[in-house]
Amino acid sequence: MAEVIDLAAPQGDGPLWGTATEDLNATLLAWPAGHEVAEHVNDERDVLIVVMAGSASVTVDGAAHEVATSRALVIEKGCSRAIRAGDQGVRYLSVHRRRGPLQLEDLESPAR
């Protein structure tokens, strides 16, 4: 069943809301001024970031992109990315094709 979400309602820092369908994952995140999401690489999915409030510097493969309210950025799979919240913090929606559940791997077992 479809549900209408008020993305301005959840308060706090970090992941504030999320949903998943058979095909899609969406997460609303908020970070205070200066908070940094460490550089990482997503090799599996393209990611759409939509800034709902505030601003951030999103570094993609070493190139900084300044994004603010109502701006969006598509980050292709395989690119490194890091996010640093601006002076007023940032609230953004991250959307991508759904991944399967995380699989724990026994690192001590021989490869099959």
PDB file of N, CA and C in Angstrom:
ATOM      1  N   MET A   1       0.844  -1.183   0.000  1.00  0.00           N
ATOM      2  CA  MET A   1       0.000   0.000   0.000  1.00  0.00           C
ATOM      3  C   MET A   1       0.884   1.240   0.000  1.00  0.00           C
ATOM      4  N   ALA A   2       0.568   2.202  -0.825  1.00  0.00           N
ATOM      5  CA  ALA A   2       1.330   3.447  -0.896  1.00  0.00           C
ATOM      6  C   ALA A   2       1.128   4.256   0.376  1.00  0.00           C
ATOM      7  N   GLU A   3       2.198   4.906   0.829  1.00  0.00           N
ATOM      8  CA  GLU A   3       2.150   5.719   2.032  1.00  0.00           C
ATOM      9  C   GLU A   3       2.814   7.065   1.741  1.00  0.00           C
ATOM     10  N   VAL A   4       2.149   8.151   2.105  1.00  0.00           N
ATOM     11  CA  VAL A   4       2.702   9.485   1.928  1.00  0.00           C
ATOM     12  C   VAL A   4       3.546   9.803   3.159  1.00  0.00           C
ATOM     13  N   ILE A   5       4.783  10.245   2.942  1.00  0.00           N
ATOM     14  CA  ILE A   5       5.720  10.526   4.023  1.00  0.00           C
ATOM     15  C   ILE A   5       6.042  12.011   4.052  1.00  0.00           C
ATOM     16  N   ASP A   6       6.019  12.602   5.235  1.00  0.00           N
ATOM     17  CA  ASP A   6       6.449  13.984   5.423  1.00  0.00           C
ATOM     18  C   ASP A   6       7.932  13.942   5.768  1.00  0.00           C
ATOM     19  N   LEU A   7       8.798  14.201   4.797  1.00  0.00           N
ATOM     20  CA  LEU A   7      10.237  14.101   5.005  1.00  0.00           C
ATOM     21  C   LEU A   7      10.792  15.204   5.897  1.00  0.00           C
ATOM     22  N   ALA A   8       9.998  16.233   6.204  1.00  0.00           N
ATOM     23  CA  ALA A   8      10.449  17.294   7.104  1.00  0.00           C
ATOM     24  C   ALA A   8      10.154  16.956   8.565  1.00  0.00           C
ATOM     25  N   ALA A   9       9.310  15.961   8.813  1.00  0.00           N
ATOM     26  CA  ALA A   9       8.869  15.665  10.184  1.00  0.00           C
ATOM     27  C   ALA A   9       9.918  14.987  11.059  1.00  0.00           C
ATOM     28  N   PRO A  10      10.607  13.942  10.597  1.00  0.00           N
ATOM     29  CA  PRO A  10      11.556  13.270  11.500  1.00  0.00           C
ATOM     30  C   PRO A  10      12.674  14.217  11.935  1.00  0.00           C
ATOM     31  N   GLN A  11      13.003  14.187  13.225  1.00  0.00           N
ATOM     32  CA  GLN A  11      14.038  15.059  13.774  1.00  0.00           C
ATOM     33  C   GLN A  11      15.195  14.225  14.299  1.00  0.00           C
ATOM     34  N   GLY A  12      16.365  14.846  14.411  1.00  0.00           N
ATOM     35  CA  GLY A  12      17.540  14.173  14.953  1.00  0.00           C
ATOM     36  C   GLY A  12      18.666  14.151  13.941  1.00  0.00           C
ATOM     37  N   ASP A  13      19.676  13.318  14.226  1.00  0.00           N
ATOM     38  CA  ASP A  13      20.831  13.152  13.360  1.00  0.00           C
ATOM     39  C   ASP A  13      20.962  11.697  12.966  1.00  0.00           C
ATOM     40  N   GLY A  14      21.599  11.475  11.823  1.00  0.00           N
ATOM     41  CA  GLY A  14      21.801  10.113  11.335  1.00  0.00           C
ATOM     42  C   GLY A  14      20.646   9.685  10.456  1.00  0.00           C
ATOM     43  N   PRO A  15      20.472   8.379  10.274  1.00  0.00           N
ATOM     44  CA  PRO A  15      19.331   7.887   9.498  1.00  0.00           C
ATOM     45  C   PRO A  15      18.040   8.181  10.260  1.00  0.00           C
ATOM     46  N   LEU A  16      17.108   8.884   9.621  1.00  0.00           N
ATOM     47  CA  LEU A  16      15.861   9.282  10.271  1.00  0.00           C
ATOM     48  C   LEU A  16      14.658   8.478   9.806  1.00  0.00           C
ATOM     49  N   TRP A  17      14.735   7.967   8.599  1.00  0.00           N
ATOM     50  CA  TRP A  17      13.617   7.218   8.014  1.00  0.00           C
ATOM     51  C   TRP A  17      14.154   6.398   6.868  1.00  0.00           C
ATOM     52  N   GLY A  18      13.535   5.276   6.626  1.00  0.00           N
ATOM     53  CA  GLY A  18      13.926   4.474   5.484  1.00  0.00           C
ATOM     54  C   GLY A  18      12.798   3.557   5.062  1.00  0.00           C
ATOM     55  N   THR A  19      12.855   3.161   3.809  1.00  0.00           N
ATOM     56  CA  THR A  19      11.870   2.225   3.293  1.00  0.00           C
ATOM     57  C   THR A  19      12.515   1.409   2.182  1.00  0.00           C
ATOM     58  N   ALA A  20      11.937   0.256   1.942  1.00  0.00           N
ATOM     59  CA  ALA A  20      12.425  -0.601   0.864  1.00  0.00           C
ATOM     60  C   ALA A  20      11.233  -1.286   0.213  1.00  0.00           C
ATOM     61  N   THR A  21      11.290  -1.373  -1.091  1.00  0.00           N
ATOM     62  CA  THR A  21      10.322  -2.155  -1.836  1.00  0.00           C
ATOM     63  C   THR A  21      11.094  -3.301  -2.485  1.00  0.00           C
ATOM     64  N   GLU A  22      10.458  -4.031  -3.320  1.00  0.00           N
ATOM     65  CA  GLU A  22      11.150  -5.112  -4.019  1.00  0.00           C
ATOM     66  C   GLU A  22      12.275  -4.570  -4.899  1.00  0.00           C
ATOM     67  N   ASP A  23      12.119  -3.338  -5.398  1.00  0.00           N
ATOM     68  CA  ASP A  23      13.076  -2.763  -6.343  1.00  0.00           C
ATOM     69  C   ASP A  23      13.892  -1.585  -5.819  1.00  0.00           C
ATOM     70  N   LEU A  24      13.481  -0.954  -4.711  1.00  0.00           N
ATOM     71  CA  LEU A  24      14.028   0.349  -4.355  1.00  0.00           C
ATOM     72  C   LEU A  24      14.320   0.465  -2.859  1.00  0.00           C
ATOM     73  N   ASN A  25      15.417   1.164  -2.528  1.00  0.00           N
ATOM     74  CA  ASN A  25      15.729   1.547  -1.148  1.00  0.00           C
ATOM     75  C   ASN A  25      15.773   3.067  -1.099  1.00  0.00           C
ATOM     76  N   ALA A  26      15.219   3.653  -0.045  1.00  0.00           N
ATOM     77  CA  ALA A  26      15.299   5.099   0.172  1.00  0.00           C
ATOM     78  C   ALA A  26      15.570   5.330   1.655  1.00  0.00           C
ATOM     79  N   THR A  27      16.503   6.245   1.942  1.00  0.00           N
ATOM     80  CA  THR A  27      16.856   6.565   3.324  1.00  0.00           C
ATOM     81  C   THR A  27      16.970   8.072   3.458  1.00  0.00           C
ATOM     82  N   LEU A  28      16.347   8.621   4.499  1.00  0.00           N
ATOM     83  CA  LEU A  28      16.460  10.027   4.838  1.00  0.00           C
ATOM     84  C   LEU A  28      17.520  10.148   5.923  1.00  0.00           C
ATOM     85  N   LEU A  29      18.534  10.981   5.674  1.00  0.00           N
ATOM     86  CA  LEU A  29      19.624  11.168   6.625  1.00  0.00           C
ATOM     87  C   LEU A  29      19.775  12.635   6.961  1.00  0.00           C
ATOM     88  N   ALA A  30      20.228  12.931   8.174  1.00  0.00           N
ATOM     89  CA  ALA A  30      20.496  14.313   8.584  1.00  0.00           C
ATOM     90  C   ALA A  30      21.782  14.328   9.394  1.00  0.00           C
ATOM     91  N   TRP A  31      22.635  15.301   9.100  1.00  0.00           N
ATOM     92  CA  TRP A  31      23.912  15.424   9.793  1.00  0.00           C
ATOM     93  C   TRP A  31      24.108  16.858  10.232  1.00  0.00           C
ATOM     94  N   PRO A  32      24.685  17.065  11.429  1.00  0.00           N
ATOM     95  CA  PRO A  32      24.953  18.422  11.903  1.00  0.00           C
ATOM     96  C   PRO A  32      26.113  19.052  11.137  1.00  0.00           C
ATOM     97  N   ALA A  33      26.267  20.347  11.299  1.00  0.00           N
ATOM     98  CA  ALA A  33      27.334  21.099  10.625  1.00  0.00           C
ATOM     99  C   ALA A  33      28.681  20.423  10.823  1.00  0.00           C
ATOM    100  N   GLY A  34      29.401  20.248   9.712  1.00  0.00           N
ATOM    101  CA  GLY A  34      30.747  19.698   9.752  1.00  0.00           C
ATOM    102  C   GLY A  34      30.853  18.186   9.837  1.00  0.00           C
ATOM    103  N   HIS A  35      29.749  17.488  10.048  1.00  0.00           N
ATOM    104  CA  HIS A  35      29.807  16.020  10.135  1.00  0.00           C
ATOM    105  C   HIS A  35      30.295  15.445   8.805  1.00  0.00           C
ATOM    106  N   GLU A  36      31.142  14.428   8.878  1.00  0.00           N
ATOM    107  CA  GLU A  36      31.675  13.814   7.665  1.00  0.00           C
ATOM    108  C   GLU A  36      31.284  12.345   7.579  1.00  0.00           C
ATOM    109  N   VAL A  37      30.814  11.960   6.404  1.00  0.00           N
ATOM    110  CA  VAL A  37      30.620  10.550   6.079  1.00  0.00           C
ATOM    111  C   VAL A  37      31.890  10.152   5.327  1.00  0.00           C
ATOM    112  N   ALA A  38      32.633   9.211   5.894  1.00  0.00           N
ATOM    113  CA  ALA A  38      33.942   8.845   5.353  1.00  0.00           C
ATOM    114  C   ALA A  38      33.848   8.363   3.909  1.00  0.00           C
ATOM    115  N   GLU A  39      34.933   8.565   3.196  1.00  0.00           N
ATOM    116  CA  GLU A  39      35.010   8.121   1.807  1.00  0.00           C
ATOM    117  C   GLU A  39      34.772   6.615   1.730  1.00  0.00           C
ATOM    118  N   HIS A  40      33.955   6.233   0.778  1.00  0.00           N
ATOM    119  CA  HIS A  40      33.665   4.816   0.554  1.00  0.00           C
ATOM    120  C   HIS A  40      33.258   4.623  -0.901  1.00  0.00           C
ATOM    121  N   VAL A  41      33.213   3.368  -1.327  1.00  0.00           N
ATOM    122  CA  VAL A  41      32.852   3.032  -2.707  1.00  0.00           C
ATOM    123  C   VAL A  41      31.681   2.061  -2.677  1.00  0.00           C
ATOM    124  N   ASN A  42      30.698   2.335  -3.511  1.00  0.00           N
ATOM    125  CA  ASN A  42      29.583   1.415  -3.705  1.00  0.00           C
ATOM    126  C   ASN A  42      29.766   0.825  -5.102  1.00  0.00           C
ATOM    127  N   ASP A  43      30.182  -0.419  -5.168  1.00  0.00           N
ATOM    128  CA  ASP A  43      30.431  -1.064  -6.456  1.00  0.00           C
ATOM    129  C   ASP A  43      29.175  -1.660  -7.081  1.00  0.00           C
ATOM    130  N   GLU A  44      28.054  -1.629  -6.353  1.00  0.00           N
ATOM    131  CA  GLU A  44      26.860  -2.355  -6.800  1.00  0.00           C
ATOM    132  C   GLU A  44      25.765  -1.502  -7.429  1.00  0.00           C
ATOM    133  N   ARG A  45      25.604  -0.250  -6.976  1.00  0.00           N
ATOM    134  CA  ARG A  45      24.433   0.533  -7.380  1.00  0.00           C
ATOM    135  C   ARG A  45      24.784   1.997  -7.621  1.00  0.00           C
ATOM    136  N   ASP A  46      24.117   2.614  -8.593  1.00  0.00           N
ATOM    137  CA  ASP A  46      24.114   4.061  -8.711  1.00  0.00           C
ATOM    138  C   ASP A  46      23.267   4.592  -7.556  1.00  0.00           C
ATOM    139  N   VAL A  47      23.602   5.781  -7.053  1.00  0.00           N
ATOM    140  CA  VAL A  47      22.873   6.369  -5.927  1.00  0.00           C
ATOM    141  C   VAL A  47      22.461   7.787  -6.297  1.00  0.00           C
ATOM    142  N   LEU A  48      21.208   8.124  -6.025  1.00  0.00           N
ATOM    143  CA  LEU A  48      20.688   9.474  -6.190  1.00  0.00           C
ATOM    144  C   LEU A  48      20.627  10.117  -4.815  1.00  0.00           C
ATOM    145  N   ILE A  49      21.242  11.287  -4.670  1.00  0.00           N
ATOM    146  CA  ILE A  49      21.177  12.060  -3.433  1.00  0.00           C
ATOM    147  C   ILE A  49      20.401  13.328  -3.732  1.00  0.00           C
ATOM    148  N   VAL A  50      19.349  13.582  -2.939  1.00  0.00           N
ATOM    149  CA  VAL A  50      18.523  14.777  -3.084  1.00  0.00           C
ATOM    150  C   VAL A  50      18.588  15.543  -1.767  1.00  0.00           C
ATOM    151  N   VAL A  51      19.105  16.762  -1.794  1.00  0.00           N
ATOM    152  CA  VAL A  51      19.228  17.564  -0.581  1.00  0.00           C
ATOM    153  C   VAL A  51      17.876  18.208  -0.275  1.00  0.00           C
ATOM    154  N   MET A  52      17.380  17.931   0.925  1.00  0.00           N
ATOM    155  CA  MET A  52      16.082  18.442   1.363  1.00  0.00           C
ATOM    156  C   MET A  52      16.230  19.763   2.120  1.00  0.00           C
ATOM    157  N   ALA A  53      17.346  19.907   2.857  1.00  0.00           N
ATOM    158  CA  ALA A  53      17.590  21.128   3.642  1.00  0.00           C
ATOM    159  C   ALA A  53      19.086  21.243   3.912  1.00  0.00           C
ATOM    160  N   GLY A  54      19.566  22.478   4.058  1.00  0.00           N
ATOM    161  CA  GLY A  54      20.972  22.706   4.350  1.00  0.00           C
ATOM    162  C   GLY A  54      21.836  22.533   3.122  1.00  0.00           C
ATOM    163  N   SER A  55      23.093  22.133   3.361  1.00  0.00           N
ATOM    164  CA  SER A  55      24.030  21.983   2.254  1.00  0.00           C
ATOM    165  C   SER A  55      25.104  20.980   2.633  1.00  0.00           C
ATOM    166  N   ALA A  56      25.849  20.557   1.622  1.00  0.00           N
ATOM    167  CA  ALA A  56      26.952  19.624   1.846  1.00  0.00           C
ATOM    168  C   ALA A  56      27.931  19.722   0.694  1.00  0.00           C
ATOM    169  N   SER A  57      29.133  19.284   0.973  1.00  0.00           N
ATOM    170  CA  SER A  57      30.120  19.093  -0.070  1.00  0.00           C
ATOM    171  C   SER A  57      30.219  17.586  -0.282  1.00  0.00           C
ATOM    172  N   VAL A  58      29.915  17.138  -1.488  1.00  0.00           N
ATOM    173  CA  VAL A  58      29.984  15.719  -1.822  1.00  0.00           C
ATOM    174  C   VAL A  58      31.175  15.537  -2.748  1.00  0.00           C
ATOM    175  N   THR A  59      32.168  14.784  -2.290  1.00  0.00           N
ATOM    176  CA  THR A  59      33.362  14.540  -3.090  1.00  0.00           C
ATOM    177  C   THR A  59      33.199  13.202  -3.795  1.00  0.00           C
ATOM    178  N   VAL A  60      33.238  13.241  -5.119  1.00  0.00           N
ATOM    179  CA  VAL A  60      33.075  12.038  -5.938  1.00  0.00           C
ATOM    180  C   VAL A  60      34.354  11.858  -6.743  1.00  0.00           C
ATOM    181  N   ASP A  61      35.038  10.752  -6.511  1.00  0.00           N
ATOM    182  CA  ASP A  61      36.314  10.474  -7.191  1.00  0.00           C
ATOM    183  C   ASP A  61      37.255  11.678  -7.144  1.00  0.00           C
ATOM    184  N   GLY A  62      37.327  12.329  -5.978  1.00  0.00           N
ATOM    185  CA  GLY A  62      38.251  13.438  -5.775  1.00  0.00           C
ATOM    186  C   GLY A  62      37.741  14.808  -6.176  1.00  0.00           C
ATOM    187  N   ALA A  63      36.598  14.883  -6.862  1.00  0.00           N
ATOM    188  CA  ALA A  63      36.037  16.173  -7.287  1.00  0.00           C
ATOM    189  C   ALA A  63      34.917  16.597  -6.335  1.00  0.00           C
ATOM    190  N   ALA A  64      35.040  17.804  -5.760  1.00  0.00           N
ATOM    191  CA  ALA A  64      34.038  18.305  -4.818  1.00  0.00           C
ATOM    192  C   ALA A  64      32.846  18.901  -5.565  1.00  0.00           C
ATOM    193  N   HIS A  65      31.654  18.591  -5.072  1.00  0.00           N
ATOM    194  CA  HIS A  65      30.404  19.124  -5.624  1.00  0.00           C
ATOM    195  C   HIS A  65      29.638  19.750  -4.467  1.00  0.00           C
ATOM    196  N   GLU A  66      29.312  21.035  -4.584  1.00  0.00           N
ATOM    197  CA  GLU A  66      28.543  21.715  -3.550  1.00  0.00           C
ATOM    198  C   GLU A  66      27.068  21.533  -3.874  1.00  0.00           C
ATOM    199  N   VAL A  67      26.335  20.969  -2.925  1.00  0.00           N
ATOM    200  CA  VAL A  67      24.904  20.745  -3.115  1.00  0.00           C
ATOM    201  C   VAL A  67      24.150  21.408  -1.972  1.00  0.00           C
ATOM    202  N   ALA A  68      22.991  21.956  -2.285  1.00  0.00           N
ATOM    203  CA  ALA A  68      22.170  22.638  -1.293  1.00  0.00           C
ATOM    204  C   ALA A  68      20.714  22.271  -1.528  1.00  0.00           C
ATOM    205  N   THR A  69      19.839  22.834  -0.711  1.00  0.00           N
ATOM    206  CA  THR A  69      18.412  22.541  -0.779  1.00  0.00           C
ATOM    207  C   THR A  69      17.910  22.522  -2.219  1.00  0.00           C
ATOM    208  N   SER A  70      17.161  21.486  -2.537  1.00  0.00           N
ATOM    209  CA  SER A  70      16.537  21.280  -3.844  1.00  0.00           C
ATOM    210  C   SER A  70      17.516  20.861  -4.937  1.00  0.00           C
ATOM    211  N   ARG A  71      18.736  20.529  -4.580  1.00  0.00           N
ATOM    212  CA  ARG A  71      19.726  20.063  -5.557  1.00  0.00           C
ATOM    213  C   ARG A  71      19.849  18.547  -5.459  1.00  0.00           C
ATOM    214  N   ALA A  72      20.212  17.935  -6.571  1.00  0.00           N
ATOM    215  CA  ALA A  72      20.361  16.485  -6.616  1.00  0.00           C
ATOM    216  C   ALA A  72      21.659  16.121  -7.305  1.00  0.00           C
ATOM    217  N   LEU A  73      22.166  14.957  -6.973  1.00  0.00           N
ATOM    218  CA  LEU A  73      23.417  14.471  -7.542  1.00  0.00           C
ATOM    219  C   LEU A  73      23.302  12.959  -7.713  1.00  0.00           C
ATOM    220  N   VAL A  74      23.639  12.468  -8.895  1.00  0.00           N
ATOM    221  CA  VAL A  74      23.680  11.023  -9.134  1.00  0.00           C
ATOM    222  C   VAL A  74      25.135  10.593  -9.042  1.00  0.00           C
ATOM    223  N   ILE A  75      25.387   9.592  -8.209  1.00  0.00           N
ATOM    224  CA  ILE A  75      26.730   9.049  -8.043  1.00  0.00           C
ATOM    225  C   ILE A  75      26.723   7.645  -8.634  1.00  0.00           C
ATOM    226  N   GLU A  76      27.512   7.470  -9.679  1.00  0.00           N
ATOM    227  CA  GLU A  76      27.526   6.174 -10.365  1.00  0.00           C
ATOM    228  C   GLU A  76      28.254   5.118  -9.548  1.00  0.00           C
ATOM    229  N   LYS A  77      27.811   3.873  -9.712  1.00  0.00           N
ATOM    230  CA  LYS A  77      28.464   2.778  -9.003  1.00  0.00           C
ATOM    231  C   LYS A  77      29.946   2.745  -9.371  1.00  0.00           C
ATOM    232  N   GLY A  78      30.749   2.331  -8.414  1.00  0.00           N
ATOM    233  CA  GLY A  78      32.188   2.249  -8.624  1.00  0.00           C
ATOM    234  C   GLY A  78      32.941   3.526  -8.294  1.00  0.00           C
ATOM    235  N   CYS A  79      32.229   4.631  -8.072  1.00  0.00           N
ATOM    236  CA  CYS A  79      32.876   5.898  -7.722  1.00  0.00           C
ATOM    237  C   CYS A  79      33.070   5.982  -6.209  1.00  0.00           C
ATOM    238  N   SER A  80      34.182   6.575  -5.802  1.00  0.00           N
ATOM    239  CA  SER A  80      34.365   6.839  -4.377  1.00  0.00           C
ATOM    240  C   SER A  80      33.572   8.097  -4.046  1.00  0.00           C
ATOM    241  N   ARG A  81      33.092   8.162  -2.800  1.00  0.00           N
ATOM    242  CA  ARG A  81      32.349   9.350  -2.388  1.00  0.00           C
ATOM    243  C   ARG A  81      32.515   9.588  -0.903  1.00  0.00           C
ATOM    244  N   ALA A  82      32.462  10.860  -0.526  1.00  0.00           N
ATOM    245  CA  ALA A  82      32.472  11.296   0.861  1.00  0.00           C
ATOM    246  C   ALA A  82      31.543  12.500   0.945  1.00  0.00           C
ATOM    247  N   ILE A  83      30.916  12.684   2.106  1.00  0.00           N
ATOM    248  CA  ILE A  83      29.971  13.788   2.281  1.00  0.00           C
ATOM    249  C   ILE A  83      30.358  14.560   3.535  1.00  0.00           C
ATOM    250  N   ARG A  84      30.424  15.891   3.414  1.00  0.00           N
ATOM    251  CA  ARG A  84      30.691  16.749   4.567  1.00  0.00           C
ATOM    252  C   ARG A  84      29.560  17.763   4.658  1.00  0.00           C
ATOM    253  N   ALA A  85      28.844  17.740   5.788  1.00  0.00           N
ATOM    254  CA  ALA A  85      27.725  18.656   5.997  1.00  0.00           C
ATOM    255  C   ALA A  85      28.204  20.095   6.047  1.00  0.00           C
ATOM    256  N   GLY A  86      27.401  20.998   5.495  1.00  0.00           N
ATOM    257  CA  GLY A  86      27.724  22.420   5.478  1.00  0.00           C
ATOM    258  C   GLY A  86      27.501  23.098   6.817  1.00  0.00           C
ATOM    259  N   ASP A  87      27.615  24.424   6.830  1.00  0.00           N
ATOM    260  CA  ASP A  87      27.533  25.221   8.056  1.00  0.00           C
ATOM    261  C   ASP A  87      26.216  25.084   8.809  1.00  0.00           C
ATOM    262  N   GLN A  88      25.141  24.783   8.117  1.00  0.00           N
ATOM    263  CA  GLN A  88      23.827  24.630   8.749  1.00  0.00           C
ATOM    264  C   GLN A  88      23.415  23.160   8.852  1.00  0.00           C
ATOM    265  N   GLY A  89      24.350  22.245   8.565  1.00  0.00           N
ATOM    266  CA  GLY A  89      24.011  20.826   8.527  1.00  0.00           C
ATOM    267  C   GLY A  89      23.376  20.484   7.198  1.00  0.00           C
ATOM    268  N   VAL A  90      22.967  19.227   7.061  1.00  0.00           N
ATOM    269  CA  VAL A  90      22.335  18.785   5.821  1.00  0.00           C
ATOM    270  C   VAL A  90      21.310  17.697   6.116  1.00  0.00           C
ATOM    271  N   ARG A  91      20.243  17.713   5.352  1.00  0.00           N
ATOM    272  CA  ARG A  91      19.218  16.655   5.379  1.00  0.00           C
ATOM    273  C   ARG A  91      19.068  16.217   3.934  1.00  0.00           C
ATOM    274  N   TYR A  92      19.254  14.916   3.674  1.00  0.00           N
ATOM    275  CA  TYR A  92      19.165  14.454   2.291  1.00  0.00           C
ATOM    276  C   TYR A  92      18.538  13.077   2.201  1.00  0.00           C
ATOM    277  N   LEU A  93      18.010  12.814   1.036  1.00  0.00           N
ATOM    278  CA  LEU A  93      17.403  11.535   0.715  1.00  0.00           C
ATOM    279  C   LEU A  93      18.369  10.785  -0.192  1.00  0.00           C
ATOM    280  N   SER A  94      18.679   9.549   0.178  1.00  0.00           N
ATOM    281  CA  SER A  94      19.536   8.680  -0.627  1.00  0.00           C
ATOM    282  C   SER A  94      18.659   7.575  -1.204  1.00  0.00           C
ATOM    283  N   VAL A  95      18.689   7.426  -2.537  1.00  0.00           N
ATOM    284  CA  VAL A  95      17.815   6.468  -3.205  1.00  0.00           C
ATOM    285  C   VAL A  95      18.635   5.623  -4.175  1.00  0.00           C
ATOM    286  N   HIS A  96      18.404   4.316  -4.144  1.00  0.00           N
ATOM    287  CA  HIS A  96      19.093   3.411  -5.073  1.00  0.00           C
ATOM    288  C   HIS A  96      18.286   2.138  -5.251  1.00  0.00           C
ATOM    289  N   ARG A  97      18.650   1.384  -6.297  1.00  0.00           N
ATOM    290  CA  ARG A  97      18.042   0.066  -6.483  1.00  0.00           C
ATOM    291  C   ARG A  97      18.320  -0.762  -5.255  1.00  0.00           C
ATOM    292  N   ARG A  98      17.381  -1.578  -4.900  1.00  0.00           N
ATOM    293  CA  ARG A  98      17.515  -2.387  -3.689  1.00  0.00           C
ATOM    294  C   ARG A  98      18.631  -3.404  -3.824  1.00  0.00           C
ATOM    295  N   ARG A  99      19.356  -3.557  -2.736  1.00  0.00           N
ATOM    296  CA  ARG A  99      20.372  -4.606  -2.626  1.00  0.00           C
ATOM    297  C   ARG A  99      19.751  -5.782  -1.895  1.00  0.00           C
ATOM    298  N   GLY A 100      20.341  -6.938  -2.082  1.00  0.00           N
ATOM    299  CA  GLY A 100      19.926  -8.090  -1.300  1.00  0.00           C
ATOM    300  C   GLY A 100      20.389  -7.933   0.132  1.00  0.00           C
ATOM    301  N   PRO A 101      19.970  -8.821   1.015  1.00  0.00           N
ATOM    302  CA  PRO A 101      20.396  -8.720   2.411  1.00  0.00           C
ATOM    303  C   PRO A 101      21.903  -8.915   2.523  1.00  0.00           C
ATOM    304  N   LEU A 102      22.494  -8.285   3.546  1.00  0.00           N
ATOM    305  CA  LEU A 102      23.920  -8.447   3.784  1.00  0.00           C
ATOM    306  C   LEU A 102      24.212  -9.905   4.124  1.00  0.00           C
ATOM    307  N   GLN A 103      25.303 -10.382   3.594  1.00  0.00           N
ATOM    308  CA  GLN A 103      25.713 -11.765   3.844  1.00  0.00           C
ATOM    309  C   GLN A 103      26.979 -11.759   4.675  1.00  0.00           C
ATOM    310  N   LEU A 104      26.956 -12.500   5.783  1.00  0.00           N
ATOM    311  CA  LEU A 104      28.156 -12.636   6.592  1.00  0.00           C
ATOM    312  C   LEU A 104      29.037 -13.691   5.958  1.00  0.00           C
ATOM    313  N   GLU A 105      30.306 -13.419   5.951  1.00  0.00           N
ATOM    314  CA  GLU A 105      31.258 -14.314   5.309  1.00  0.00           C
ATOM    315  C   GLU A 105      32.238 -14.824   6.354  1.00  0.00           C
ATOM    316  N   ASP A 106      32.453 -16.129   6.365  1.00  0.00           N
ATOM    317  CA  ASP A 106      33.424 -16.729   7.278  1.00  0.00           C
ATOM    318  C   ASP A 106      34.796 -16.613   6.635  1.00  0.00           C
ATOM    319  N   LEU A 107      35.607 -15.676   7.146  1.00  0.00           N
ATOM    320  CA  LEU A 107      36.898 -15.403   6.533  1.00  0.00           C
ATOM    321  C   LEU A 107      37.930 -16.504   6.795  1.00  0.00           C
ATOM    322  N   GLU A 108      37.646 -17.378   7.746  1.00  0.00           N
ATOM    323  CA  GLU A 108      38.603 -18.434   8.067  1.00  0.00           C
ATOM    324  C   GLU A 108      38.377 -19.702   7.263  1.00  0.00           C
ATOM    325  N   SER A 109      37.230 -19.821   6.636  1.00  0.00           N
ATOM    326  CA  SER A 109      36.938 -21.014   5.829  1.00  0.00           C
ATOM    327  C   SER A 109      37.597 -20.911   4.481  1.00  0.00           C
ATOM    328  N   PRO A 110      38.075 -22.034   3.930  1.00  0.00           N
ATOM    329  CA  PRO A 110      38.657 -21.986   2.584  1.00  0.00           C
ATOM    330  C   PRO A 110      37.595 -21.598   1.556  1.00  0.00           C
ATOM    331  N   ALA A 111      38.031 -20.942   0.499  1.00  0.00           N
ATOM    332  CA  ALA A 111      37.109 -20.546  -0.585  1.00  0.00           C
ATOM    333  C   ALA A 111      36.519 -21.771  -1.231  1.00  0.00           C
ATOM    334  N   ARG A 112      35.283 -21.652  -1.640  1.00  0.00           N
ATOM    335  CA  ARG A 112      34.609 -22.794  -2.302  1.00  0.00           C
ATOM    336  C   ARG A 112      34.678 -22.668  -3.781  1.00  0.00           C
TER     337      ARG A 112
END
